[in-house]
PDB file of N, CA and C in Angstrom:
ATOM      1  N   MET A   1      -2.591   9.323 109.371  1.00  0.00           N
ATOM      2  CA  MET A   1      -1.727   7.957 109.738  1.00  0.00           C
ATOM      3  C   MET A   1      -2.625   7.121 110.334  1.00  0.00           C
ATOM      4  N   THR A   2      -2.633   5.859 109.818  1.00  0.00           N
ATOM      5  CA  THR A   2      -3.349   4.710 110.607  1.00  0.00           C
ATOM      6  C   THR A   2      -2.521   3.516 110.933  1.00  0.00           C
ATOM      7  N   GLY A   3      -2.990   2.682 111.952  1.00  0.00           N
ATOM      8  CA  GLY A   3      -2.187   1.508 112.274  1.00  0.00           C
ATOM      9  C   GLY A   3      -1.098   1.664 113.236  1.00  0.00           C
ATOM     10  N   ILE A   4      -0.997   2.692 113.929  1.00  0.00           N
ATOM     11  CA  ILE A   4      -0.112   3.020 114.894  1.00  0.00           C
ATOM     12  C   ILE A   4      -0.815   2.711 116.205  1.00  0.00           C
ATOM     13  N   GLN A   5      -0.180   2.006 116.971  1.00  0.00           N
ATOM     14  CA  GLN A   5      -0.871   1.613 118.280  1.00  0.00           C
ATOM     15  C   GLN A   5      -0.403   2.699 119.497  1.00  0.00           C
ATOM     16  N   PRO A   6      -1.220   3.142 120.334  1.00  0.00           N
ATOM     17  CA  PRO A   6      -0.605   3.908 121.440  1.00  0.00           C
ATOM     18  C   PRO A   6       0.199   3.194 122.256  1.00  0.00           C
ATOM     19  N   GLY A   7       1.226   3.835 122.799  1.00  0.00           N
ATOM     20  CA  GLY A   7       2.198   3.231 123.691  1.00  0.00           C
ATOM     21  C   GLY A   7       3.385   4.056 123.856  1.00  0.00           C
ATOM     22  N   LEU A   8       4.317   3.445 124.594  1.00  0.00           N
ATOM     23  CA  LEU A   8       5.678   4.219 124.846  1.00  0.00           C
ATOM     24  C   LEU A   8       6.773   3.223 124.317  1.00  0.00           C
ATOM     25  N   THR A   9       7.512   4.006 123.616  1.00  0.00           N
ATOM     26  CA  THR A   9       8.686   3.286 122.736  1.00  0.00           C
ATOM     27  C   THR A   9      10.084   3.916 123.184  1.00  0.00           C
ATOM     28  N   VAL A  10      11.065   3.286 123.741  1.00  0.00           N
ATOM     29  CA  VAL A  10      12.333   3.761 124.095  1.00  0.00           C
ATOM     30  C   VAL A  10      13.317   3.074 123.375  1.00  0.00           C
ATOM     31  N   HIS A  11      14.323   3.926 122.638  1.00  0.00           N
ATOM     32  CA  HIS A  11      15.410   3.257 121.846  1.00  0.00           C
ATOM     33  C   HIS A  11      16.695   3.975 122.374  1.00  0.00           C
ATOM     34  N   GLY A  12      17.709   3.128 122.096  1.00  0.00           N
ATOM     35  CA  GLY A  12      19.100   3.849 122.363  1.00  0.00           C
ATOM     36  C   GLY A  12      19.504   3.783 123.918  1.00  0.00           C
ATOM     37  N   LEU A  13      19.162   2.822 124.659  1.00  0.00           N
ATOM     38  CA  LEU A  13      19.818   2.599 126.039  1.00  0.00           C
ATOM     39  C   LEU A  13      21.010   2.095 126.334  1.00  0.00           C
ATOM     40  N   GLY A  14      21.741   1.945 125.121  1.00  0.00           N
ATOM     41  CA  GLY A  14      23.128   1.513 125.425  1.00  0.00           C
ATOM     42  C   GLY A  14      23.866   2.541 125.950  1.00  0.00           C
ATOM     43  N   ARG A  15      25.305   2.033 126.369  1.00  0.00           N
ATOM     44  CA  ARG A  15      26.221   2.960 127.113  1.00  0.00           C
ATOM     45  C   ARG A  15      26.470   4.186 126.194  1.00  0.00           C
ATOM     46  N   SER A  16      26.772   4.010 124.881  1.00  0.00           N
ATOM     47  CA  SER A  16      27.276   5.127 124.189  1.00  0.00           C
ATOM     48  C   SER A  16      26.168   5.698 123.199  1.00  0.00           C
ATOM     49  N   ALA A  17      24.873   5.177 123.403  1.00  0.00           N
ATOM     50  CA  ALA A  17      23.753   5.884 122.652  1.00  0.00           C
ATOM     51  C   ALA A  17      22.928   6.971 123.378  1.00  0.00           C
ATOM     52  N   ILE A  18      22.439   7.820 122.721  1.00  0.00           N
ATOM     53  CA  ILE A  18      21.607   8.859 123.305  1.00  0.00           C
ATOM     54  C   ILE A  18      20.122   8.253 123.121  1.00  0.00           C
ATOM     55  N   PRO A  19      19.413   8.148 124.435  1.00  0.00           N
ATOM     56  CA  PRO A  19      18.086   7.470 124.372  1.00  0.00           C
ATOM     57  C   PRO A  19      17.204   8.402 123.697  1.00  0.00           C
ATOM     58  N   VAL A  20      16.122   7.888 123.104  1.00  0.00           N
ATOM     59  CA  VAL A  20      15.075   8.575 122.625  1.00  0.00           C
ATOM     60  C   VAL A  20      13.792   7.956 122.781  1.00  0.00           C
ATOM     61  N   ALA A  21      12.669   8.495 123.388  1.00  0.00           N
ATOM     62  CA  ALA A  21      11.533   8.009 123.663  1.00  0.00           C
ATOM     63  C   ALA A  21      10.325   8.685 122.889  1.00  0.00           C
ATOM     64  N   ASP A  22       9.413   7.788 122.389  1.00  0.00           N
ATOM     65  CA  ASP A  22       8.161   8.421 121.775  1.00  0.00           C
ATOM     66  C   ASP A  22       6.993   7.787 122.663  1.00  0.00           C
ATOM     67  N   TRP A  23       5.986   8.691 122.925  1.00  0.00           N
ATOM     68  CA  TRP A  23       4.919   8.364 123.527  1.00  0.00           C
ATOM     69  C   TRP A  23       3.746   8.808 122.822  1.00  0.00           C
ATOM     70  N   LEU A  24       2.793   7.876 122.302  1.00  0.00           N
ATOM     71  CA  LEU A  24       1.647   8.119 121.679  1.00  0.00           C
ATOM     72  C   LEU A  24       0.451   7.823 122.563  1.00  0.00           C
ATOM     73  N   CYS A  25      -0.340   8.658 123.025  1.00  0.00           N
ATOM     74  CA  CYS A  25      -1.478   8.438 123.811  1.00  0.00           C
ATOM     75  C   CYS A  25      -2.436   7.934 123.073  1.00  0.00           C
ATOM     76  N   ALA A  26      -3.638   7.306 123.829  1.00  0.00           N
ATOM     77  CA  ALA A  26      -4.750   6.961 123.209  1.00  0.00           C
ATOM     78  C   ALA A  26      -5.611   7.881 122.437  1.00  0.00           C
ATOM     79  N   CYS A  27      -5.408   9.146 123.047  1.00  0.00           N
ATOM     80  CA  CYS A  27      -6.142  10.474 122.509  1.00  0.00           C
ATOM     81  C   CYS A  27      -5.695  10.881 121.195  1.00  0.00           C
ATOM     82  N   GLY A  28      -4.443  10.390 120.790  1.00  0.00           N
ATOM     83  CA  GLY A  28      -3.626  11.157 119.681  1.00  0.00           C
ATOM     84  C   GLY A  28      -2.374  12.025 119.989  1.00  0.00           C
ATOM     85  N   HIS A  29      -2.312  12.219 121.397  1.00  0.00           N
ATOM     86  CA  HIS A  29      -1.301  13.113 121.657  1.00  0.00           C
ATOM     87  C   HIS A  29       0.189  12.466 121.626  1.00  0.00           C
ATOM     88  N   HIS A  30       1.072  13.204 120.869  1.00  0.00           N
ATOM     89  CA  HIS A  30       2.351  12.516 120.678  1.00  0.00           C
ATOM     90  C   HIS A  30       3.473  13.275 121.403  1.00  0.00           C
ATOM     91  N   GLU A  31       4.512  12.691 122.053  1.00  0.00           N
ATOM     92  CA  GLU A  31       5.631  13.327 122.668  1.00  0.00           C
ATOM     93  C   GLU A  31       6.743  12.553 122.238  1.00  0.00           C
ATOM     94  N   ARG A  32       7.859  13.355 122.127  1.00  0.00           N
ATOM     95  CA  ARG A  32       9.237  12.670 121.722  1.00  0.00           C
ATOM     96  C   ARG A  32      10.187  13.409 122.730  1.00  0.00           C
ATOM     97  N   ALA A  33      10.968  12.513 123.241  1.00  0.00           N
ATOM     98  CA  ALA A  33      12.106  13.080 124.161  1.00  0.00           C
ATOM     99  C   ALA A  33      13.327  12.440 123.783  1.00  0.00           C
ATOM    100  N   GLY A  34      14.505  13.409 123.881  1.00  0.00           N
ATOM    101  CA  GLY A  34      15.842  12.804 123.609  1.00  0.00           C
ATOM    102  C   GLY A  34      16.787  13.251 124.686  1.00  0.00           C
ATOM    103  N   GLY A  35      17.527  12.454 125.116  1.00  0.00           N
ATOM    104  CA  GLY A  35      18.658  12.466 126.060  1.00  0.00           C
ATOM    105  C   GLY A  35      18.184  11.799 127.420  1.00  0.00           C
ATOM    106  N   ARG A  36      18.923  11.371 128.180  1.00  0.00           N
ATOM    107  CA  ARG A  36      18.611  10.527 129.304  1.00  0.00           C
ATOM    108  C   ARG A  36      17.769  11.009 130.390  1.00  0.00           C
ATOM    109  N   ARG A  37      17.943  12.307 130.751  1.00  0.00           N
ATOM    110  CA  ARG A  37      17.238  13.032 131.746  1.00  0.00           C
ATOM    111  C   ARG A  37      15.837  13.220 131.357  1.00  0.00           C
ATOM    112  N   VAL A  38      15.606  13.698 130.107  1.00  0.00           N
ATOM    113  CA  VAL A  38      14.304  14.030 129.447  1.00  0.00           C
ATOM    114  C   VAL A  38      13.476  12.648 129.174  1.00  0.00           C
ATOM    115  N   VAL A  39      14.249  11.624 128.797  1.00  0.00           N
ATOM    116  CA  VAL A  39      13.421  10.287 128.566  1.00  0.00           C
ATOM    117  C   VAL A  39      12.996   9.710 129.828  1.00  0.00           C
ATOM    118  N   THR A  40      13.920   9.819 130.914  1.00  0.00           N
ATOM    119  CA  THR A  40      13.378   9.534 132.251  1.00  0.00           C
ATOM    120  C   THR A  40      12.321  10.137 132.687  1.00  0.00           C
ATOM    121  N   GLU A  41      12.315  11.418 132.532  1.00  0.00           N
ATOM    122  CA  GLU A  41      11.141  12.252 132.911  1.00  0.00           C
ATOM    123  C   GLU A  41       9.786  11.840 132.405  1.00  0.00           C
ATOM    124  N   LEU A  42      10.000  11.710 130.847  1.00  0.00           N
ATOM    125  CA  LEU A  42       8.783  11.110 130.034  1.00  0.00           C
ATOM    126  C   LEU A  42       8.313   9.722 130.464  1.00  0.00           C
ATOM    127  N   THR A  43       9.092   8.851 130.654  1.00  0.00           N
ATOM    128  CA  THR A  43       8.716   7.510 131.110  1.00  0.00           C
ATOM    129  C   THR A  43       8.193   7.507 132.546  1.00  0.00           C
ATOM    130  N   ALA A  44       8.350   8.440 133.184  1.00  0.00           N
ATOM    131  CA  ALA A  44       7.725   8.554 134.683  1.00  0.00           C
ATOM    132  C   ALA A  44       6.483   9.063 134.595  1.00  0.00           C
ATOM    133  N   ARG A  45       6.193   9.918 133.539  1.00  0.00           N
ATOM    134  CA  ARG A  45       4.837  10.655 133.686  1.00  0.00           C
ATOM    135  C   ARG A  45       3.848  10.052 132.508  1.00  0.00           C
ATOM    136  N   ALA A  46       4.440   9.193 131.534  1.00  0.00           N
ATOM    137  CA  ALA A  46       3.501   8.644 130.756  1.00  0.00           C
ATOM    138  C   ALA A  46       2.577   7.359 131.296  1.00  0.00           C
ATOM    139  N   ARG A  47       1.373   7.540 130.829  1.00  0.00           N
ATOM    140  CA  ARG A  47       0.437   6.370 131.278  1.00  0.00           C
ATOM    141  C   ARG A  47      -0.148   5.877 129.995  1.00  0.00           C
ATOM    142  N   VAL A  48       0.068   4.498 129.757  1.00  0.00           N
ATOM    143  CA  VAL A  48      -0.174   3.820 128.550  1.00  0.00           C
ATOM    144  C   VAL A  48      -1.850   3.552 128.539  1.00  0.00           C
ATOM    145  N   GLN A  49      -2.277   3.052 129.671  1.00  0.00           N
ATOM    146  CA  GLN A  49      -3.594   2.406 129.792  1.00  0.00           C
ATOM    147  C   GLN A  49      -4.513   3.746 130.267  1.00  0.00           C
ATOM    148  N   GLN A  50      -4.143   4.958 130.510  1.00  0.00           N
ATOM    149  CA  GLN A  50      -4.977   5.851 131.059  1.00  0.00           C
ATOM    150  C   GLN A  50      -4.569   7.325 130.473  1.00  0.00           C
ATOM    151  N   CYS A  51      -5.397   8.159 129.927  1.00  0.00           N
ATOM    152  CA  CYS A  51      -5.174   9.297 129.334  1.00  0.00           C
ATOM    153  C   CYS A  51      -5.215  10.351 130.158  1.00  0.00           C
ATOM    154  N   PRO A  52      -4.095  10.953 130.429  1.00  0.00           N
ATOM    155  CA  PRO A  52      -4.064  12.295 131.285  1.00  0.00           C
ATOM    156  C   PRO A  52      -4.293  13.488 130.540  1.00  0.00           C
ATOM    157  N   HIS A  53      -4.718  13.728 129.321  1.00  0.00           N
ATOM    158  CA  HIS A  53      -4.918  14.728 128.414  1.00  0.00           C
ATOM    159  C   HIS A  53      -6.380  15.125 128.343  1.00  0.00           C
ATOM    160  N   THR A  54      -7.407  14.018 128.876  1.00  0.00           N
ATOM    161  CA  THR A  54      -8.962  14.404 129.057  1.00  0.00           C
ATOM    162  C   THR A  54      -9.278  14.292 130.280  1.00  0.00           C
ATOM    163  N   THR A  55     -10.314  15.107 130.664  1.00  0.00           N
ATOM    164  CA  THR A  55     -10.814  15.066 131.967  1.00  0.00           C
ATOM    165  C   THR A  55     -12.095  14.198 132.055  1.00  0.00           C
ATOM    166  N   PRO A  56     -12.529  13.525 133.095  1.00  0.00           N
ATOM    167  CA  PRO A  56     -13.910  12.818 132.916  1.00  0.00           C
ATOM    168  C   PRO A  56     -15.088  13.906 132.713  1.00  0.00           C
ATOM    169  N   ALA A  57     -14.875  14.960 132.757  1.00  0.00           N
ATOM    170  CA  ALA A  57     -16.064  15.772 132.372  1.00  0.00           C
ATOM    171  C   ALA A  57     -16.117  16.069 130.917  1.00  0.00           C
ATOM    172  N   THR A  58     -15.024  15.785 130.114  1.00  0.00           N
ATOM    173  CA  THR A  58     -15.133  15.896 128.719  1.00  0.00           C
ATOM    174  C   THR A  58     -15.256  14.523 127.939  1.00  0.00           C
ATOM    175  N   THR A  59     -15.450  13.486 128.721  1.00  0.00           N
ATOM    176  CA  THR A  59     -15.802  12.288 128.183  1.00  0.00           C
ATOM    177  C   THR A  59     -16.985  11.583 128.661  1.00  0.00           C
ATOM    178  N   GLY A  60     -17.663  10.489 127.904  1.00  0.00           N
ATOM    179  CA  GLY A  60     -18.538   9.843 128.215  1.00  0.00           C
ATOM    180  C   GLY A  60     -19.993  10.534 128.431  1.00  0.00           C
ATOM    181  N   ARG A  61     -20.807  10.187 129.194  1.00  0.00           N
ATOM    182  CA  ARG A  61     -22.329  10.860 129.207  1.00  0.00           C
ATOM    183  C   ARG A  61     -22.169  12.377 129.687  1.00  0.00           C
ATOM    184  N   ALA A  62     -21.075  12.603 130.643  1.00  0.00           N
ATOM    185  CA  ALA A  62     -20.958  14.028 131.075  1.00  0.00           C
ATOM    186  C   ALA A  62     -20.692  14.990 129.604  1.00  0.00           C
ATOM    187  N   ALA A  63     -20.204  14.466 128.792  1.00  0.00           N
ATOM    188  CA  ALA A  63     -20.089  15.376 127.489  1.00  0.00           C
ATOM    189  C   ALA A  63     -21.250  15.480 126.849  1.00  0.00           C
ATOM    190  N   ALA A  64     -22.097  14.628 126.810  1.00  0.00           N
ATOM    191  CA  ALA A  64     -23.313  14.636 126.026  1.00  0.00           C
ATOM    192  C   ALA A  64     -24.366  15.607 126.690  1.00  0.00           C
TER     193      ALA A  64
END
């Protein structure tokens, strides 16, 4: 799949809706959460500008 940009998207924040969040990390990791509590947890730990799935030792010159 191409053309999808990394980021965090949340839908269904209305009073009667069940919220759903999708997080696509720059490394390609995808998470989906459904329900107010789980969406809140995901939005608290999602980092859009910074990938938490790779360590500095696995990127850049250190990996070479």
